[in-house]
Structure formats: structure tokens, C-alpha cells
């Protein structure tokens, strides 16, 4: 029963629409632009920030001038141990100098190993502050002539450098 009334109602609507369109096309009169005399006034919008700029002024950009301040903030992915230098190499005056930089406080261990990887000396084993560090160590009567490796361990990182003693 429900389908019957739905189909009947749809057919009536379709016929009414066809009759209205038929009268509309048969009249053939000219169309007017607008027959309404009262128009609603549009509310004046506030100033757009995109068209009129920002409510504050920015300094002018000069393409030739750039200035910057370098701020050193250690990141999680930065290396802890950097700029490792060992001098003089080859060691001739029985004095070994080490220079390295730490990006944060850490436990540092400096060891001298032979060619086979055996520990010969422990130069330093302590907690060290961040920044550039210098260590001098006297190797007189402690190392014979030959090649050695200096292993610097700071936290989870390690750097190995080769030295020769004459």
C-alpha cells in the first residue's frame, strides 16, 4: 500500500512540474533584472588582516644584511665527544697532550692500548665538565718505542686515535 501512494504522489509531482515548465516556456516574455526595490544592506566587514596588512609593523627586510647570534644548545642527536686531538704525534719528548670537547657533563676514561688491544695505561678516569678539555700526561719510562692506540670514552661514545712513540 505504501509503494502505491509513493508512486502515485511522485507521478502527480512530475505532472505538476511539467505543466509549470510548459507555461513558463509558452509565455516567452522578457525577463527583468530585479523587481525588488528594497535590498538588504550588507554588514560592513571588519578590516581584513590579509588585505590591509598586520596590525603591527615588521622591520624592513634588507637582502644584503644578515645578522645572527649563534646559540649552542645541545640536542639529543649531537655527539657528546668531539674535536679530539692528540699531539705531538709522534711522541718524542715523553709528554702526551690530549684536547677534546664535551657537549655535556660526562664520565671520561682515557686509556692507552697496544696493537693487540690490551690496556697498557689508564691516563684519566673521572667525571668531567662540559666544554673544551686539555690533558697532559708524562709517558717517560711507561711506554716503549712503537705504535699505540689512545681510546677516549665519554658516556656511550668512544674515539680511538693512533700514536707512535719514538
N, C-alpha and C. Protein backbone atom coordinates (compact mmCIF):
# COMPACT_ATOMS: atom_id res chain seq x y z
N UNK A 1 0.81 -1.18 0.00
CA UNK A 1 0.00 0.00 0.00
C UNK A 1 0.87 1.27 0.00
N UNK A 2 1.93 1.20 0.76
CA UNK A 2 2.81 2.35 0.88
C UNK A 2 3.46 2.67 -0.46
N UNK A 3 3.87 1.65 -1.22
CA UNK A 3 4.51 1.86 -2.52
C UNK A 3 3.53 2.49 -3.51
N UNK A 4 2.28 2.08 -3.43
CA UNK A 4 1.28 2.61 -4.34
C UNK A 4 1.14 4.12 -4.16
N UNK A 5 1.03 4.57 -2.90
CA UNK A 5 0.87 6.00 -2.65
C UNK A 5 2.14 6.77 -3.01
N UNK A 6 3.30 6.17 -2.79
CA UNK A 6 4.55 6.84 -3.14
C UNK A 6 4.65 7.02 -4.64
N UNK A 7 4.32 5.98 -5.41
CA UNK A 7 4.36 6.09 -6.87
C UNK A 7 3.33 7.09 -7.37
N UNK A 8 2.14 7.06 -6.80
CA UNK A 8 1.07 7.97 -7.22
C UNK A 8 1.46 9.42 -6.93
N UNK A 9 2.03 9.67 -5.73
CA UNK A 9 2.43 11.02 -5.35
C UNK A 9 3.57 11.51 -6.24
N UNK A 10 4.53 10.64 -6.56
CA UNK A 10 5.64 11.02 -7.43
C UNK A 10 5.14 11.38 -8.82
N UNK A 11 4.17 10.63 -9.34
CA UNK A 11 3.63 10.94 -10.67
C UNK A 11 2.91 12.28 -10.67
N UNK A 12 2.15 12.57 -9.61
CA UNK A 12 1.46 13.87 -9.52
C UNK A 12 2.45 15.02 -9.48
N UNK A 13 3.52 14.90 -8.73
CA UNK A 13 4.54 15.95 -8.65
C UNK A 13 5.19 16.15 -10.01
N UNK A 14 5.49 15.09 -10.72
CA UNK A 14 6.12 15.17 -12.03
C UNK A 14 5.21 15.87 -13.03
N UNK A 15 3.94 15.56 -13.01
CA UNK A 15 2.98 16.19 -13.94
C UNK A 15 2.85 17.68 -13.62
N UNK A 16 2.80 18.03 -12.34
CA UNK A 16 2.68 19.44 -11.95
C UNK A 16 3.91 20.23 -12.38
N UNK A 17 5.09 19.65 -12.25
CA UNK A 17 6.32 20.32 -12.67
C UNK A 17 6.33 20.51 -14.18
N UNK A 18 5.85 19.52 -14.93
CA UNK A 18 5.83 19.63 -16.40
C UNK A 18 4.86 20.72 -16.84
N UNK A 19 3.72 20.84 -16.18
CA UNK A 19 2.75 21.89 -16.55
C UNK A 19 3.32 23.26 -16.26
N UNK A 20 3.97 23.43 -15.12
CA UNK A 20 4.57 24.73 -14.78
C UNK A 20 5.64 25.11 -15.78
N UNK A 21 6.45 24.18 -16.20
CA UNK A 21 7.50 24.48 -17.17
C UNK A 21 6.89 24.81 -18.52
N UNK A 22 5.80 24.15 -18.88
CA UNK A 22 5.14 24.41 -20.14
C UNK A 22 4.62 25.85 -20.19
N UNK A 23 3.99 26.30 -19.10
CA UNK A 23 3.52 27.68 -19.06
C UNK A 23 4.68 28.65 -19.10
N UNK A 24 5.76 28.32 -18.47
CA UNK A 24 6.92 29.20 -18.44
C UNK A 24 7.53 29.38 -19.81
N UNK A 25 7.66 28.32 -20.57
CA UNK A 25 8.25 28.42 -21.91
C UNK A 25 7.26 29.02 -22.91
N UNK A 26 5.96 28.80 -22.73
CA UNK A 26 4.97 29.30 -23.67
C UNK A 26 4.79 30.80 -23.56
N UNK A 27 5.01 31.37 -22.39
CA UNK A 27 4.80 32.79 -22.20
C UNK A 27 5.77 33.59 -23.04
N UNK A 28 7.05 33.27 -23.03
CA UNK A 28 8.06 33.90 -23.87
C UNK A 28 8.27 35.37 -23.59
N UNK A 29 7.94 35.85 -22.43
CA UNK A 29 8.11 37.25 -22.09
C UNK A 29 9.56 37.58 -21.80
N UNK A 30 9.83 38.88 -21.73
CA UNK A 30 11.20 39.30 -21.41
C UNK A 30 11.40 39.24 -19.90
N UNK A 31 12.60 39.01 -19.53
CA UNK A 31 12.93 38.91 -18.12
C UNK A 31 13.46 40.23 -17.62
N UNK A 32 13.10 40.60 -16.43
CA UNK A 32 13.61 41.81 -15.82
C UNK A 32 14.80 41.45 -14.93
N UNK A 33 15.63 42.44 -14.73
CA UNK A 33 16.79 42.19 -13.87
C UNK A 33 16.35 41.93 -12.45
N UNK A 34 15.64 42.91 -11.87
CA UNK A 34 15.27 42.76 -10.48
C UNK A 34 14.00 43.55 -10.24
N UNK A 35 13.04 42.95 -9.61
CA UNK A 35 11.79 43.64 -9.32
C UNK A 35 11.67 44.02 -7.86
N UNK A 36 12.63 43.71 -7.06
CA UNK A 36 12.60 44.03 -5.64
C UNK A 36 13.26 45.38 -5.44
N UNK A 37 12.54 46.29 -4.76
CA UNK A 37 13.07 47.63 -4.57
C UNK A 37 13.85 47.76 -3.27
N UNK A 38 13.57 46.97 -2.32
CA UNK A 38 14.29 47.05 -1.05
C UNK A 38 15.37 45.97 -1.04
N UNK A 39 16.55 46.39 -0.81
CA UNK A 39 17.68 45.46 -0.71
C UNK A 39 18.20 45.48 0.71
N UNK A 40 18.64 44.36 1.15
CA UNK A 40 19.27 44.34 2.48
C UNK A 40 20.67 44.91 2.36
N UNK A 41 21.00 45.76 3.30
CA UNK A 41 22.36 46.29 3.30
C UNK A 41 23.30 45.23 3.84
N UNK A 42 24.40 45.10 3.18
CA UNK A 42 25.40 44.16 3.66
C UNK A 42 26.10 44.76 4.87
N UNK A 43 26.31 43.94 5.85
CA UNK A 43 27.02 44.42 7.03
C UNK A 43 28.47 44.64 6.64
N UNK A 44 28.99 45.79 7.02
CA UNK A 44 30.36 46.11 6.66
C UNK A 44 31.30 45.23 7.47
N UNK A 45 32.13 44.51 6.78
CA UNK A 45 33.05 43.62 7.47
C UNK A 45 34.22 44.42 8.03
N UNK A 46 34.81 43.85 9.05
CA UNK A 46 35.98 44.49 9.65
C UNK A 46 37.15 44.39 8.68
N UNK A 47 38.16 45.15 8.95
CA UNK A 47 39.34 45.13 8.07
C UNK A 47 39.95 43.74 8.05
N UNK A 48 40.28 43.32 6.89
CA UNK A 48 40.92 42.02 6.74
C UNK A 48 42.41 42.17 6.98
N UNK A 49 42.96 41.28 7.75
CA UNK A 49 44.40 41.33 8.01
C UNK A 49 45.19 40.93 6.77
N UNK A 50 44.58 40.11 5.93
CA UNK A 50 45.31 39.67 4.75
C UNK A 50 45.39 40.76 3.70
N UNK A 51 44.35 41.58 3.56
CA UNK A 51 44.35 42.63 2.54
C UNK A 51 45.07 43.88 3.01
N UNK A 52 44.86 44.26 4.25
CA UNK A 52 45.37 45.53 4.73
C UNK A 52 46.64 45.40 5.56
N UNK A 53 47.17 44.23 5.68
CA UNK A 53 48.39 44.06 6.44
C UNK A 53 48.12 43.67 7.88
N UNK A 54 49.16 43.56 8.63
CA UNK A 54 49.07 43.16 10.02
C UNK A 54 48.81 44.37 10.90
N UNK A 55 48.27 44.17 12.10
CA UNK A 55 48.00 45.31 12.97
C UNK A 55 49.27 45.90 13.60
N UNK A 56 50.41 45.32 13.33
CA UNK A 56 51.68 45.85 13.81
C UNK A 56 52.65 45.89 12.65
N UNK A 57 53.73 46.64 12.81
CA UNK A 57 54.67 46.78 11.70
C UNK A 57 55.89 45.89 11.94
N UNK A 58 56.35 45.29 10.88
CA UNK A 58 57.55 44.46 10.93
C UNK A 58 58.73 45.29 10.46
N UNK A 59 59.93 44.98 10.95
CA UNK A 59 61.09 45.72 10.46
C UNK A 59 61.31 45.42 8.99
N UNK A 60 61.80 46.39 8.23
CA UNK A 60 62.01 46.15 6.80
C UNK A 60 63.13 45.15 6.57
N UNK A 61 62.96 44.36 5.54
CA UNK A 61 63.97 43.37 5.20
C UNK A 61 64.98 43.97 4.24
N UNK A 62 66.24 43.82 4.57
CA UNK A 62 67.30 44.28 3.69
C UNK A 62 68.06 43.04 3.23
N UNK A 63 68.01 42.73 1.95
CA UNK A 63 68.59 41.47 1.49
C UNK A 63 70.09 41.37 1.66
N UNK A 64 70.79 42.49 1.71
CA UNK A 64 72.24 42.43 1.82
C UNK A 64 72.74 42.25 3.23
N UNK A 65 71.91 42.54 4.21
CA UNK A 65 72.34 42.49 5.60
C UNK A 65 71.70 41.31 6.31
N UNK A 66 72.52 40.48 6.90
CA UNK A 66 72.02 39.40 7.73
C UNK A 66 72.83 39.38 9.01
N UNK A 67 72.16 39.24 10.09
CA UNK A 67 72.85 39.12 11.37
C UNK A 67 72.24 37.96 12.12
N UNK A 68 73.05 37.29 12.87
CA UNK A 68 72.56 36.17 13.64
C UNK A 68 73.42 36.01 14.88
N UNK A 69 72.84 35.40 15.86
CA UNK A 69 73.54 35.08 17.09
C UNK A 69 73.53 33.57 17.21
N UNK A 70 74.70 32.98 17.33
CA UNK A 70 74.79 31.54 17.41
C UNK A 70 74.62 31.12 18.87
N UNK A 71 73.60 30.33 19.10
CA UNK A 71 73.34 29.82 20.44
C UNK A 71 73.62 28.33 20.40
N UNK A 72 74.48 27.88 21.28
CA UNK A 72 74.86 26.47 21.31
C UNK A 72 73.99 25.74 22.31
N UNK A 73 72.97 25.07 21.82
CA UNK A 73 72.09 24.27 22.66
C UNK A 73 72.30 22.82 22.27
N UNK A 74 72.77 21.99 23.18
CA UNK A 74 73.00 20.60 22.82
C UNK A 74 71.68 19.88 22.54
N UNK A 75 71.66 19.14 21.46
CA UNK A 75 70.49 18.36 21.07
C UNK A 75 70.72 16.91 21.47
N UNK A 76 69.65 16.16 21.43
CA UNK A 76 69.75 14.75 21.79
C UNK A 76 70.59 13.98 20.78
N UNK A 77 70.60 14.42 19.51
CA UNK A 77 71.34 13.70 18.49
C UNK A 77 72.76 14.23 18.31
N UNK A 78 73.16 15.28 19.06
CA UNK A 78 74.52 15.80 18.97
C UNK A 78 75.49 14.80 19.57
N UNK A 79 76.71 14.83 19.07
CA UNK A 79 77.74 13.96 19.63
C UNK A 79 78.20 14.52 20.96
N UNK A 80 78.47 13.63 21.87
CA UNK A 80 78.94 14.02 23.19
C UNK A 80 80.41 14.38 23.15
N UNK A 81 81.19 13.64 22.39
CA UNK A 81 82.64 13.80 22.33
C UNK A 81 83.04 14.27 20.93
N UNK A 82 83.66 15.46 20.84
CA UNK A 82 84.06 15.99 19.54
C UNK A 82 85.44 16.61 19.62
N UNK A 83 86.00 16.92 18.47
CA UNK A 83 87.28 17.64 18.33
C UNK A 83 88.40 17.00 19.14
N UNK A 84 88.60 15.71 18.95
CA UNK A 84 89.66 15.00 19.68
C UNK A 84 90.98 15.19 18.95
N UNK A 85 91.97 15.72 19.66
CA UNK A 85 93.31 15.91 19.09
C UNK A 85 94.34 15.35 20.06
N UNK A 86 95.33 14.67 19.49
CA UNK A 86 96.46 14.16 20.27
C UNK A 86 97.72 14.70 19.63
N UNK A 87 98.54 15.38 20.44
CA UNK A 87 99.76 15.97 19.91
C UNK A 87 100.83 15.92 20.98
N UNK A 88 102.08 15.92 20.66
CA UNK A 88 102.66 15.74 19.33
C UNK A 88 102.56 14.27 18.92
N UNK A 89 102.46 14.06 17.64
CA UNK A 89 102.45 12.70 17.13
C UNK A 89 103.42 12.65 15.96
N UNK A 90 104.49 11.98 16.04
CA UNK A 90 104.95 11.00 17.03
C UNK A 90 105.43 11.67 18.33
N UNK A 91 105.26 10.95 19.43
CA UNK A 91 105.65 11.45 20.74
C UNK A 91 107.16 11.28 20.89
N UNK A 92 107.87 12.40 21.07
CA UNK A 92 109.33 12.34 21.19
C UNK A 92 109.83 12.86 22.53
N UNK A 93 109.09 13.78 23.16
CA UNK A 93 109.58 14.40 24.39
C UNK A 93 108.93 13.82 25.64
N UNK A 94 108.40 12.59 25.57
CA UNK A 94 107.79 11.88 26.70
C UNK A 94 106.60 12.62 27.32
N UNK A 95 106.01 13.52 26.58
CA UNK A 95 104.83 14.26 27.05
C UNK A 95 103.71 14.09 26.02
N UNK A 96 102.57 13.55 26.45
CA UNK A 96 101.43 13.33 25.58
C UNK A 96 100.35 14.35 25.95
N UNK A 97 99.88 15.12 24.96
CA UNK A 97 98.86 16.13 25.18
C UNK A 97 97.58 15.73 24.44
N UNK A 98 96.46 15.80 25.14
CA UNK A 98 95.16 15.47 24.55
C UNK A 98 94.25 16.68 24.70
N UNK A 99 93.46 16.93 23.66
CA UNK A 99 92.48 18.01 23.69
C UNK A 99 91.19 17.46 23.10
N UNK A 100 90.06 17.69 23.80
CA UNK A 100 88.77 17.21 23.33
C UNK A 100 87.68 18.13 23.87
N UNK A 101 86.49 18.03 23.27
CA UNK A 101 85.35 18.84 23.69
C UNK A 101 84.18 17.93 24.06
N UNK A 102 83.50 18.30 25.14
CA UNK A 102 82.31 17.58 25.57
C UNK A 102 81.11 18.51 25.46
N UNK A 103 79.99 17.98 24.99
CA UNK A 103 78.79 18.80 24.87
C UNK A 103 77.96 18.82 26.16
N UNK A 104 78.24 17.90 27.08
CA UNK A 104 77.59 17.91 28.40
C UNK A 104 78.48 17.15 29.39
N UNK A 105 78.19 17.29 30.67
CA UNK A 105 78.98 16.62 31.70
C UNK A 105 78.90 15.11 31.51
N UNK A 106 80.04 14.44 31.71
CA UNK A 106 80.06 13.01 31.47
C UNK A 106 81.25 12.38 32.16
N UNK A 107 81.18 11.05 32.34
CA UNK A 107 82.34 10.30 32.83
C UNK A 107 83.26 10.03 31.65
N UNK A 108 84.54 10.35 31.82
CA UNK A 108 85.51 10.21 30.74
C UNK A 108 86.60 9.25 31.19
N UNK A 109 86.94 8.34 30.29
CA UNK A 109 88.04 7.41 30.52
C UNK A 109 88.99 7.50 29.33
N UNK A 110 90.28 7.71 29.63
CA UNK A 110 91.30 7.76 28.58
C UNK A 110 92.30 6.65 28.88
N UNK A 111 92.43 5.73 27.93
CA UNK A 111 93.34 4.60 28.09
C UNK A 111 94.26 4.51 26.90
N UNK A 112 95.47 3.99 27.15
CA UNK A 112 96.44 3.71 26.08
C UNK A 112 96.50 2.20 25.93
N UNK A 113 96.34 1.73 24.67
CA UNK A 113 96.32 0.30 24.39
C UNK A 113 97.42 -0.02 23.38
N UNK A 114 97.89 -1.28 23.43
CA UNK A 114 98.88 -1.70 22.43
C UNK A 114 98.16 -2.14 21.16
N UNK A 115 98.94 -2.66 20.21
CA UNK A 115 98.39 -3.06 18.91
C UNK A 115 97.34 -4.16 19.04
N UNK A 116 97.48 -5.04 20.02
CA UNK A 116 96.55 -6.16 20.19
C UNK A 116 95.29 -5.77 20.95
N UNK A 117 95.22 -4.53 21.47
CA UNK A 117 94.04 -4.09 22.20
C UNK A 117 94.13 -4.26 23.70
N UNK A 118 95.31 -4.64 24.20
CA UNK A 118 95.49 -4.80 25.64
C UNK A 118 95.69 -3.43 26.28
N UNK A 119 95.06 -3.20 27.44
CA UNK A 119 95.21 -1.92 28.15
C UNK A 119 96.61 -1.84 28.76
N UNK A 120 97.33 -0.76 28.44
CA UNK A 120 98.67 -0.54 28.97
C UNK A 120 98.62 0.47 30.12
N UNK A 121 97.97 1.61 29.90
CA UNK A 121 97.88 2.68 30.89
C UNK A 121 96.46 3.23 30.93
N UNK A 122 96.08 3.71 32.10
CA UNK A 122 94.85 4.50 32.22
C UNK A 122 95.28 5.91 32.56
N UNK A 123 95.08 6.82 31.61
CA UNK A 123 95.53 8.20 31.77
C UNK A 123 94.55 8.97 32.64
N UNK A 124 93.25 8.78 32.43
CA UNK A 124 92.24 9.56 33.14
C UNK A 124 90.98 8.73 33.27
N UNK A 125 90.35 8.80 34.46
CA UNK A 125 89.07 8.14 34.65
C UNK A 125 88.32 8.92 35.73
N UNK A 126 87.50 9.89 35.28
CA UNK A 126 86.76 10.75 36.21
C UNK A 126 85.61 11.44 35.50
N UNK A 127 84.77 12.13 36.28
CA UNK A 127 83.67 12.91 35.72
C UNK A 127 84.22 14.27 35.32
N UNK A 128 83.90 14.68 34.08
CA UNK A 128 84.46 15.91 33.51
C UNK A 128 83.31 16.83 33.10
N UNK A 129 83.50 18.14 33.31
CA UNK A 129 82.50 19.14 32.94
C UNK A 129 82.48 19.33 31.43
N UNK A 130 81.40 19.96 30.95
CA UNK A 130 81.29 20.22 29.52
C UNK A 130 82.26 21.31 29.08
N UNK A 131 82.53 21.35 27.79
CA UNK A 131 83.45 22.34 27.22
C UNK A 131 84.72 21.68 26.73
N UNK A 132 85.68 22.52 26.36
CA UNK A 132 86.96 22.02 25.86
C UNK A 132 87.86 21.63 27.03
N UNK A 133 88.45 20.44 26.93
CA UNK A 133 89.31 19.91 28.00
C UNK A 133 90.69 19.62 27.43
N UNK A 134 91.72 19.85 28.26
CA UNK A 134 93.10 19.55 27.88
C UNK A 134 93.71 18.68 28.97
N UNK A 135 94.40 17.64 28.53
CA UNK A 135 95.06 16.72 29.45
C UNK A 135 96.49 16.54 28.99
N UNK A 136 97.43 16.68 29.92
CA UNK A 136 98.84 16.40 29.65
C UNK A 136 99.26 15.22 30.52
N UNK A 137 100.00 14.29 29.91
CA UNK A 137 100.40 13.09 30.63
C UNK A 137 101.84 12.76 30.28
N UNK A 138 102.64 12.49 31.30
CA UNK A 138 104.05 12.13 31.08
C UNK A 138 104.14 10.62 30.90
N UNK A 139 104.73 10.20 29.78
CA UNK A 139 104.83 8.77 29.48
C UNK A 139 106.26 8.26 29.64
N UNK A 140 107.12 9.04 30.29
CA UNK A 140 108.52 8.61 30.43
C UNK A 140 108.59 7.31 31.23
N UNK A 141 109.35 6.35 30.73
CA UNK A 141 109.58 5.02 31.31
C UNK A 141 108.29 4.20 31.46
N UNK A 142 107.21 4.57 30.78
CA UNK A 142 105.97 3.81 30.86
C UNK A 142 105.64 3.12 29.54
N UNK A 143 106.10 3.70 28.44
CA UNK A 143 105.85 3.13 27.12
C UNK A 143 107.17 2.95 26.39
N UNK A 144 107.30 1.82 25.73
CA UNK A 144 108.48 1.59 24.89
C UNK A 144 108.19 2.12 23.50
N UNK A 145 109.20 2.09 22.65
CA UNK A 145 109.02 2.56 21.28
C UNK A 145 108.03 1.66 20.56
N UNK A 146 107.16 2.29 19.73
CA UNK A 146 106.20 1.51 18.95
C UNK A 146 104.91 2.27 18.71
N UNK A 147 103.93 1.53 18.20
CA UNK A 147 102.62 2.11 17.90
C UNK A 147 101.63 1.74 19.01
N UNK A 148 100.82 2.71 19.37
CA UNK A 148 99.81 2.53 20.41
C UNK A 148 98.50 3.20 19.97
N UNK A 149 97.44 2.84 20.65
CA UNK A 149 96.15 3.47 20.42
C UNK A 149 95.68 4.15 21.70
N UNK A 150 95.16 5.35 21.54
CA UNK A 150 94.58 6.08 22.67
C UNK A 150 93.07 6.02 22.51
N UNK A 151 92.42 5.46 23.52
CA UNK A 151 90.96 5.31 23.48
C UNK A 151 90.34 6.27 24.49
N UNK A 152 89.50 7.17 23.99
CA UNK A 152 88.81 8.14 24.84
C UNK A 152 87.33 7.76 24.84
N UNK A 153 86.81 7.45 26.02
CA UNK A 153 85.41 7.05 26.17
C UNK A 153 84.70 8.10 27.01
N UNK A 154 83.62 8.66 26.45
CA UNK A 154 82.79 9.62 27.17
C UNK A 154 81.35 9.15 27.08
N UNK A 155 80.82 8.66 28.19
CA UNK A 155 79.46 8.11 28.18
C UNK A 155 79.39 6.91 27.26
N UNK A 156 78.46 6.88 26.32
CA UNK A 156 78.35 5.74 25.41
C UNK A 156 79.25 5.86 24.17
N UNK A 157 79.92 7.00 23.99
CA UNK A 157 80.73 7.22 22.79
C UNK A 157 82.20 6.98 23.08
N UNK A 158 82.90 6.53 22.04
CA UNK A 158 84.35 6.36 22.18
C UNK A 158 85.03 6.76 20.87
N UNK A 159 86.25 7.29 21.03
CA UNK A 159 87.08 7.69 19.90
C UNK A 159 88.44 7.04 20.10
N UNK A 160 88.96 6.45 19.03
CA UNK A 160 90.27 5.80 19.10
C UNK A 160 91.20 6.50 18.13
N UNK A 161 92.37 6.91 18.62
CA UNK A 161 93.39 7.56 17.79
C UNK A 161 94.69 6.77 17.92
N UNK A 162 95.47 6.79 16.84
CA UNK A 162 96.75 6.07 16.82
C UNK A 162 97.87 7.05 17.12
N UNK A 163 98.82 6.62 17.95
CA UNK A 163 100.02 7.42 18.21
C UNK A 163 101.24 6.52 18.03
N UNK A 164 102.36 7.16 17.80
CA UNK A 164 103.62 6.41 17.73
C UNK A 164 104.59 7.05 18.71
N UNK A 165 105.31 6.20 19.43
CA UNK A 165 106.27 6.65 20.44
C UNK A 165 107.66 6.35 19.90
N UNK A 166 108.51 7.39 19.87
CA UNK A 166 109.88 7.21 19.40
C UNK A 166 110.86 7.29 20.53
